[in-house]
Protein backbone atom coordinates (compact mmCIF):
# COMPACT_ATOMS: atom_id res chain seq x y z
CA MET A 1 -22.80 -25.93 -87.23
CA THR A 2 -20.84 -29.15 -86.89
CA ALA A 3 -21.40 -31.46 -83.96
CA ILE A 4 -18.48 -32.58 -81.88
CA SER A 5 -17.87 -36.27 -82.22
CA PRO A 6 -17.81 -38.40 -79.05
CA PRO A 7 -14.04 -39.11 -79.29
CA ALA A 8 -13.35 -35.38 -79.54
CA MET A 9 -15.54 -34.74 -76.52
CA ARG A 10 -13.67 -37.43 -74.57
CA ASP A 11 -10.32 -35.92 -75.53
CA GLU A 12 -11.49 -32.47 -74.46
CA SER A 13 -12.78 -33.87 -71.17
CA ARG A 14 -9.48 -35.66 -70.51
CA TRP A 15 -7.52 -32.51 -71.29
CA ALA A 16 -9.71 -30.46 -68.93
CA ALA A 17 -9.31 -33.08 -66.20
CA ALA A 18 -5.54 -33.15 -66.66
CA THR A 19 -5.40 -29.34 -66.54
CA ASP A 20 -7.44 -29.30 -63.33
CA ARG A 21 -5.10 -31.86 -61.74
CA ILE A 22 -2.06 -29.80 -62.71
CA LYS A 23 -3.63 -26.63 -61.28
CA ALA A 24 -4.48 -28.46 -58.04
CA ALA A 25 -1.00 -29.96 -57.71
CA ALA A 26 0.99 -26.83 -58.67
CA PRO A 27 0.83 -25.03 -55.28
CA TRP A 28 1.79 -28.21 -53.45
CA ILE A 29 4.75 -28.69 -55.78
CA VAL A 30 5.83 -25.10 -55.12
CA LEU A 31 5.52 -25.67 -51.36
CA GLY A 32 7.59 -28.85 -51.72
CA VAL A 33 10.32 -26.95 -53.57
CA ILE A 34 10.25 -24.18 -50.93
CA GLY A 35 10.54 -26.74 -48.15
CA ALA A 36 13.38 -28.55 -49.92
CA LEU A 37 15.30 -25.28 -50.38
CA ALA A 38 14.69 -24.23 -46.78
CA ILE A 39 16.01 -27.52 -45.46
CA GLY A 40 18.59 -28.48 -48.06
CA TRP A 41 20.33 -25.22 -48.98
CA PRO A 42 21.81 -24.52 -45.52
CA LEU A 43 22.91 -28.17 -45.28
CA ILE A 44 24.85 -28.24 -48.54
CA ALA A 45 26.24 -24.70 -48.24
CA GLU A 46 29.55 -23.92 -46.62
CA GLU A 47 29.53 -22.97 -42.96
CA GLN A 48 28.61 -19.31 -42.61
CA THR A 49 30.73 -16.92 -40.55
CA ALA A 50 30.47 -13.19 -40.12
CA ASP A 51 32.88 -11.45 -42.49
CA PHE A 52 32.39 -7.70 -42.59
CA ALA A 53 34.86 -7.42 -45.47
CA GLN A 54 32.25 -9.25 -47.59
CA ALA A 55 29.30 -7.22 -46.29
CA LEU A 56 26.59 -5.95 -48.66
CA ARG A 57 28.01 -7.47 -51.81
CA ALA A 58 25.58 -7.31 -54.72
CA PRO A 59 24.16 -10.52 -56.25
CA GLY A 60 26.69 -12.20 -58.49
CA ASP A 61 29.62 -10.40 -56.86
CA GLY A 62 31.07 -13.51 -55.22
CA SER A 63 27.66 -14.59 -53.91
CA LEU A 64 24.64 -15.89 -55.79
CA LEU A 65 22.07 -13.60 -54.11
CA GLY A 66 24.45 -11.14 -52.45
CA THR A 67 25.40 -10.77 -48.81
CA ASP A 68 23.86 -9.00 -45.83
CA HIS A 69 25.43 -6.36 -43.58
CA SER A 70 27.32 -9.07 -41.63
CA GLY A 71 28.78 -10.74 -44.71
CA TYR A 72 26.52 -13.79 -44.60
CA GLY A 73 25.34 -15.21 -47.93
CA LEU A 74 21.82 -13.85 -48.30
CA GLY A 75 20.51 -16.92 -50.10
CA VAL A 76 21.55 -19.29 -47.32
CA ARG A 77 20.43 -16.82 -44.68
CA THR A 78 17.01 -16.49 -46.31
CA ALA A 79 16.66 -20.27 -46.53
CA GLU A 80 17.46 -20.55 -42.82
CA GLY A 81 14.97 -17.80 -42.02
CA LEU A 82 12.31 -19.42 -44.18
CA ARG A 83 12.80 -22.73 -42.38
CA ILE A 84 12.42 -21.12 -38.95
CA SER A 85 9.41 -19.07 -40.05
CA LEU A 86 7.68 -22.13 -41.54
CA VAL A 87 8.31 -24.26 -38.44
CA ILE A 88 6.92 -21.56 -36.15
CA ALA A 89 3.97 -20.91 -38.47
CA LEU A 90 3.16 -24.63 -38.69
CA ALA A 91 3.24 -24.92 -34.89
CA CYS A 92 0.94 -21.87 -34.63
CA ALA A 93 -1.49 -23.28 -37.20
CA ILE A 94 -1.61 -26.70 -35.51
CA LEU A 95 -2.17 -25.22 -32.04
CA ALA A 96 -4.85 -22.80 -33.26
CA THR A 97 -6.60 -25.59 -35.19
CA VAL A 98 -6.57 -27.94 -32.18
CA LEU A 99 -8.00 -25.21 -29.93
CA GLY A 100 -10.68 -24.35 -32.47
CA VAL A 101 -11.67 -27.98 -32.99
CA VAL A 102 -11.87 -28.66 -29.24
CA VAL A 103 -13.95 -25.54 -28.60
CA GLY A 104 -16.24 -26.20 -31.59
CA ILE A 105 -16.89 -29.82 -30.65
CA ALA A 106 -17.41 -28.99 -26.96
CA SER A 107 -19.82 -26.18 -27.85
CA VAL A 108 -22.00 -28.32 -30.13
CA THR A 109 -21.84 -31.37 -27.87
CA ALA A 110 -22.93 -29.40 -24.78
CA GLY A 111 -25.47 -27.26 -26.65
CA GLY A 112 -27.96 -24.94 -24.97
CA TRP A 113 -26.64 -22.11 -22.85
CA VAL A 114 -23.08 -23.48 -22.99
CA ASP A 115 -23.06 -23.14 -26.76
CA ALA A 116 -24.40 -19.58 -26.50
CA ILE A 117 -21.74 -18.55 -23.97
CA VAL A 118 -18.93 -20.14 -25.99
CA MET A 119 -20.03 -18.31 -29.13
CA ARG A 120 -20.08 -14.99 -27.27
CA VAL A 121 -16.51 -15.71 -26.11
CA VAL A 122 -15.56 -16.43 -29.72
CA ASP A 123 -17.11 -13.11 -30.78
CA GLY A 124 -15.18 -11.31 -28.04
CA VAL A 125 -11.83 -12.80 -29.07
CA ASN A 126 -12.58 -12.02 -32.72
CA ALA A 127 -13.25 -8.39 -31.80
CA LEU A 128 -9.73 -7.97 -30.39
CA PRO A 129 -7.08 -6.57 -32.75
CA HIS A 130 -4.98 -9.66 -33.43
CA LEU A 131 -1.72 -7.87 -34.12
CA VAL A 132 -1.93 -5.72 -30.99
CA VAL A 133 -2.68 -8.77 -28.81
CA GLY A 134 0.17 -10.64 -30.46
CA VAL A 135 2.59 -7.77 -29.85
CA VAL A 136 1.60 -7.60 -26.16
CA ILE A 137 2.04 -11.33 -25.57
CA ALA A 138 5.26 -11.61 -27.59
CA ALA A 139 6.75 -8.53 -25.89
CA MET A 140 6.30 -10.13 -22.45
CA TRP A 141 8.72 -12.91 -23.44
CA ARG A 142 10.72 -11.22 -26.18
CA GLY A 143 12.82 -13.54 -28.31
CA GLU A 144 11.03 -16.71 -27.20
CA PRO A 145 9.58 -18.78 -30.07
CA LEU A 146 6.97 -20.23 -27.69
CA ALA A 147 5.63 -16.74 -26.97
CA ILE A 148 5.20 -16.11 -30.70
CA ILE A 149 3.42 -19.44 -31.17
CA VAL A 150 1.05 -18.80 -28.26
CA SER A 151 0.34 -15.20 -29.30
CA ILE A 152 -0.65 -16.21 -32.83
CA ALA A 153 -2.58 -19.33 -31.82
CA LEU A 154 -4.63 -17.52 -29.17
CA THR A 155 -5.83 -14.95 -31.71
CA HIS A 156 -6.62 -17.31 -34.60
CA TRP A 157 -8.52 -20.23 -33.08
CA PRO A 158 -12.00 -18.53 -33.15
CA ALA A 159 -12.19 -18.76 -36.95
CA VAL A 160 -11.60 -22.53 -36.77
CA ALA A 161 -14.13 -22.89 -33.95
CA ARG A 162 -16.82 -21.17 -36.03
CA VAL A 163 -16.19 -23.35 -39.09
CA VAL A 164 -16.16 -26.53 -36.99
CA ARG A 165 -19.35 -25.55 -35.17
CA ALA A 166 -21.17 -24.80 -38.43
CA GLU A 167 -20.16 -28.17 -39.90
CA LEU A 168 -21.08 -30.00 -36.70
CA LEU A 169 -24.51 -28.39 -36.47
CA GLU A 170 -25.22 -29.73 -39.95
CA ALA A 171 -23.82 -33.15 -39.03
CA THR A 172 -25.84 -33.43 -35.82
CA SER A 173 -29.05 -32.98 -37.80
CA ALA A 174 -28.21 -36.13 -39.79
CA GLY A 175 -30.21 -39.24 -39.01
CA TRP A 176 -27.24 -41.39 -38.06
CA VAL A 177 -26.18 -39.00 -35.27
CA GLU A 178 -29.71 -38.89 -33.89
CA THR A 179 -29.90 -42.68 -34.12
CA ALA A 180 -26.69 -43.03 -32.08
CA ARG A 181 -28.06 -40.62 -29.48
CA LEU A 182 -31.36 -42.51 -29.20
CA ALA A 183 -29.43 -45.77 -28.91
CA GLY A 184 -27.85 -44.46 -25.71
CA ALA A 185 -24.42 -43.43 -27.04
CA SER A 186 -22.59 -41.01 -24.77
CA ARG A 187 -21.66 -37.49 -25.82
CA THR A 188 -17.99 -38.46 -25.83
CA PHE A 189 -18.67 -41.43 -28.09
CA ILE A 190 -20.71 -39.31 -30.50
CA ALA A 191 -18.06 -36.58 -30.54
CA THR A 192 -15.13 -38.92 -31.20
CA ARG A 193 -16.80 -41.47 -33.48
CA HIS A 194 -19.22 -39.33 -35.45
CA LEU A 195 -18.55 -35.61 -35.16
CA MET A 196 -14.76 -35.50 -35.49
CA PRO A 197 -14.67 -37.57 -38.71
CA ALA A 198 -17.42 -35.33 -40.12
CA VAL A 199 -15.21 -32.23 -39.86
CA SER A 200 -11.82 -33.79 -40.65
CA GLY A 201 -11.78 -32.33 -44.17
CA GLN A 202 -12.65 -28.82 -42.99
CA VAL A 203 -10.05 -29.08 -40.22
CA LEU A 204 -7.35 -29.85 -42.80
CA VAL A 205 -8.50 -26.88 -44.89
CA ALA A 206 -8.49 -24.62 -41.83
CA LEU A 207 -4.96 -25.74 -40.95
CA THR A 208 -3.74 -24.92 -44.47
CA VAL A 209 -5.54 -21.56 -44.48
CA LEU A 210 -3.99 -20.61 -41.13
CA LEU A 211 -0.45 -21.32 -42.33
CA PRO A 212 0.02 -18.17 -44.47
CA HIS A 213 -1.62 -16.06 -41.73
CA ALA A 214 0.85 -17.45 -39.21
CA VAL A 215 3.79 -16.77 -41.54
CA TRP A 216 2.68 -13.14 -41.96
CA HIS A 217 2.14 -12.62 -38.23
CA GLU A 218 5.45 -14.20 -37.23
CA THR A 219 7.24 -12.08 -39.82
CA THR A 220 5.46 -8.93 -38.62
CA LEU A 221 6.28 -9.56 -34.95
CA SER A 222 9.96 -10.19 -35.71
CA PHE A 223 10.03 -7.18 -38.05
CA LEU A 224 8.66 -4.97 -35.25
CA GLY A 225 11.34 -6.24 -32.88
CA VAL A 226 9.12 -8.18 -30.47
CA GLY A 227 9.55 -11.58 -32.10
CA LEU A 228 12.76 -13.52 -32.47
CA SER A 229 16.04 -11.94 -31.49
CA PRO A 230 17.83 -10.04 -34.28
CA ASP A 231 20.66 -12.58 -34.44
CA ALA A 232 18.18 -15.40 -35.22
CA ALA A 233 17.49 -15.89 -38.90
CA SER A 234 13.81 -15.52 -39.77
CA LEU A 235 12.09 -13.68 -42.57
CA GLY A 236 10.97 -11.00 -40.12
CA THR A 237 14.42 -10.34 -38.68
CA LEU A 238 15.97 -10.28 -42.16
CA LEU A 239 13.40 -7.74 -43.35
CA GLY A 240 13.91 -5.71 -40.19
CA GLN A 241 17.66 -5.55 -40.76
CA ALA A 242 17.10 -4.64 -44.41
CA ARG A 243 15.43 -1.34 -43.43
CA GLY A 244 18.81 0.27 -42.81
CA ASP A 245 20.66 -1.60 -45.54
CA VAL A 246 18.28 -0.41 -48.27
CA LEU A 247 19.18 3.20 -47.48
CA THR A 248 22.78 2.41 -48.48
CA GLY A 249 21.64 1.03 -51.84
CA ALA A 250 21.62 -2.68 -50.86
CA TRP A 251 18.20 -3.35 -52.36
CA TRP A 252 18.76 -7.12 -52.48
CA THR A 253 18.66 -7.40 -48.69
CA LEU A 254 14.97 -6.46 -48.89
CA VAL A 255 14.04 -8.06 -52.21
CA VAL A 256 15.35 -11.59 -51.55
CA PRO A 257 13.59 -12.29 -48.20
CA GLY A 258 10.57 -10.27 -49.37
CA LEU A 259 10.14 -12.44 -52.46
CA ALA A 260 10.59 -15.58 -50.34
CA LEU A 261 7.83 -14.37 -48.02
CA MET A 262 5.46 -13.48 -50.88
CA VAL A 263 5.96 -16.72 -52.79
CA THR A 264 5.52 -18.81 -49.64
CA ALA A 265 2.35 -17.00 -48.57
CA LEU A 266 0.84 -17.17 -52.07
CA ALA A 267 1.68 -20.87 -52.40
CA CYS A 268 0.08 -21.60 -49.01
CA SER A 269 -3.04 -19.65 -49.97
CA ALA A 270 -3.28 -21.42 -53.34
CA ALA A 271 -2.81 -24.80 -51.65
CA ALA A 272 -5.59 -23.96 -49.20
CA GLY A 273 -7.91 -23.04 -52.07
CA SER A 274 -7.08 -26.25 -53.90
CA LEU A 275 -7.72 -28.31 -50.77
CA ARG A 276 -11.01 -26.49 -50.13
CA ARG A 277 -12.24 -27.28 -53.63
CA ALA A 278 -11.17 -30.91 -53.28
CA THR A 279 -13.05 -31.37 -49.99
CA SER A 280 -16.22 -29.50 -51.03
CA PRO A 281 -19.01 -31.06 -53.09
CA PRO A 282 -19.55 -29.65 -56.59
CA THR A 283 -22.14 -26.91 -56.98
CA GLY A 284 -25.64 -28.28 -56.97
CA GLU A 285 -24.58 -31.64 -55.52
CA VAL A 286 -24.53 -33.02 -52.02
CA TRP A 287 -22.37 -35.64 -50.41
CA ARG A 288 -23.98 -39.07 -50.15
């Protein structure tokens, strides 16, 4: 059995490190390309007008990805829908993360019976069927993007609150937090100067994890007809309109926005996993 020479070991280590960096960067590159297409394609494309004479043309028949039942280019329409869906999903993820962070910090800072009550509220919200609650809220203000944002955020903040609370409970047991408390620091000072920086990495991970969930929920609400209005381009409305078009043989009206949705959700999930690994200590090690 031959031993591996030190230079060979270094080369293998460098190759493994480079491979890991590529794997970590790949989902972010894909998300960057998706964002660039969502923003840039509608800007450089010709102005779209309804032309029923060009309706339901197959891909390559005068249009790169075909046309929908109104004659719009499906590629441009999907890019517009992807942009709207991502903006709404990002707003949902940010609002849900902010709510979860505020609740988690307030719960740990207050402690005692307040913490117990807050956690029971979190359990109660978690027990509610998220999609049903979202449908009820969105249906009350049908077609309003704000209603979709609120409906998704109000059903997804408990997961963030639990993660933040768990991280903060570990942080509060650290000596430097106890030292600040014994030195007379106020709860507000401890929360803003010590606790919030301690969970900043997990908050970023939670925000990234919530993004694909928000995309799926926004798409589902619009697909069910309680989200955005049918004339607004979003992945949900495009998939909803494709239900009837597919029956006429226009398979591309379902495949194009469906693939855009799947690739976006998978890229967001992969980016969240990459970020989680980057912000977590290696197995068997602890942060110093």
